[in-house]
Amino acid sequence: MKTTLGTMYVLQRQHKMSSQVCLQKAVETDENGSMK
């Protein structure tokens, strides 16, 4: 149980970070209007 909670926490943090990066990339491409 402890391990599962730890894994979930890590995955959650990774997902949060990766979605932030995705958002940044989406904003950048929106401004450039290149990859859409």
N, C-alpha and C. Protein backbone atom coordinates (compact mmCIF):
# COMPACT_ATOMS: atom_id res chain seq x y z
N MET A 1 0.85 -1.21 0.00
CA MET A 1 0.00 0.00 0.00
C MET A 1 0.88 1.26 0.00
N LYS A 2 1.90 1.23 0.86
CA LYS A 2 2.80 2.39 0.93
C LYS A 2 3.47 2.63 -0.42
N THR A 3 3.91 1.54 -1.04
CA THR A 3 4.60 1.65 -2.33
C THR A 3 3.64 2.19 -3.39
N THR A 4 2.41 1.70 -3.39
CA THR A 4 1.42 2.13 -4.38
C THR A 4 1.16 3.63 -4.24
N LEU A 5 1.00 4.09 -2.99
CA LEU A 5 0.75 5.51 -2.76
C LEU A 5 1.94 6.33 -3.25
N GLY A 6 3.15 5.85 -2.97
CA GLY A 6 4.35 6.56 -3.40
C GLY A 6 4.42 6.64 -4.91
N THR A 7 4.11 5.51 -5.57
CA THR A 7 4.14 5.47 -7.03
C THR A 7 3.10 6.43 -7.60
N MET A 8 1.92 6.42 -7.03
CA MET A 8 0.84 7.30 -7.50
C MET A 8 1.27 8.76 -7.37
N TYR A 9 1.92 9.09 -6.23
CA TYR A 9 2.36 10.47 -6.00
C TYR A 9 3.38 10.88 -7.06
N VAL A 10 4.33 9.98 -7.32
CA VAL A 10 5.37 10.28 -8.31
C VAL A 10 4.76 10.43 -9.70
N LEU A 11 3.87 9.50 -10.05
CA LEU A 11 3.22 9.56 -11.37
C LEU A 11 2.43 10.86 -11.50
N GLN A 12 1.75 11.23 -10.41
CA GLN A 12 0.94 12.45 -10.43
C GLN A 12 1.84 13.66 -10.68
N ARG A 13 2.98 13.69 -9.98
CA ARG A 13 3.90 14.81 -10.15
C ARG A 13 4.44 14.84 -11.58
N GLN A 14 4.83 13.67 -12.11
CA GLN A 14 5.35 13.60 -13.48
C GLN A 14 4.29 14.06 -14.46
N HIS A 15 3.05 13.62 -14.26
CA HIS A 15 1.96 13.99 -15.16
C HIS A 15 1.74 15.51 -15.11
N LYS A 16 1.78 16.06 -13.90
CA LYS A 16 1.59 17.50 -13.73
C LYS A 16 2.66 18.25 -14.52
N MET A 17 3.90 17.82 -14.36
CA MET A 17 5.01 18.49 -15.03
C MET A 17 4.89 18.35 -16.55
N SER A 18 4.59 17.15 -17.01
CA SER A 18 4.51 16.92 -18.47
C SER A 18 3.34 17.69 -19.08
N SER A 19 2.23 17.79 -18.35
CA SER A 19 1.08 18.52 -18.90
C SER A 19 1.40 20.01 -18.94
N GLN A 20 2.21 20.50 -17.97
CA GLN A 20 2.62 21.90 -18.00
C GLN A 20 3.48 22.16 -19.23
N VAL A 21 4.38 21.22 -19.52
CA VAL A 21 5.26 21.34 -20.69
C VAL A 21 4.41 21.33 -21.96
N CYS A 22 3.42 20.43 -21.99
CA CYS A 22 2.53 20.35 -23.16
C CYS A 22 1.80 21.67 -23.35
N LEU A 23 1.34 22.25 -22.24
CA LEU A 23 0.63 23.52 -22.31
C LEU A 23 1.54 24.61 -22.87
N GLN A 24 2.78 24.64 -22.35
CA GLN A 24 3.74 25.65 -22.82
C GLN A 24 3.97 25.49 -24.31
N LYS A 25 4.17 24.24 -24.76
CA LYS A 25 4.42 23.98 -26.19
C LYS A 25 3.20 24.41 -27.01
N ALA A 26 2.01 24.12 -26.50
CA ALA A 26 0.79 24.46 -27.22
C ALA A 26 0.69 25.98 -27.36
N VAL A 27 1.01 26.70 -26.30
CA VAL A 27 0.96 28.16 -26.34
C VAL A 27 1.97 28.68 -27.35
N GLU A 28 3.18 28.10 -27.32
CA GLU A 28 4.23 28.53 -28.24
C GLU A 28 3.80 28.32 -29.69
N THR A 29 3.28 27.14 -29.97
CA THR A 29 2.87 26.84 -31.35
C THR A 29 1.68 27.72 -31.74
N ASP A 30 0.83 28.05 -30.77
CA ASP A 30 -0.31 28.93 -31.06
C ASP A 30 0.19 30.30 -31.50
N GLU A 31 1.18 30.82 -30.77
CA GLU A 31 1.72 32.14 -31.08
C GLU A 31 2.40 32.13 -32.44
N ASN A 32 3.13 31.04 -32.72
CA ASN A 32 3.83 30.94 -34.00
C ASN A 32 2.86 30.58 -35.13
N GLY A 33 1.79 29.86 -34.76
CA GLY A 33 0.81 29.44 -35.76
C GLY A 33 1.39 28.43 -36.73
N SER A 34 2.44 27.72 -36.31
CA SER A 34 3.09 26.79 -37.23
C SER A 34 2.51 25.38 -37.12
N MET A 35 2.57 24.80 -35.94
CA MET A 35 2.13 23.41 -35.80
C MET A 35 0.72 23.34 -35.21
N LYS A 36 -0.28 23.47 -36.08
CA LYS A 36 -1.64 23.35 -35.57
C LYS A 36 -2.53 22.68 -36.59
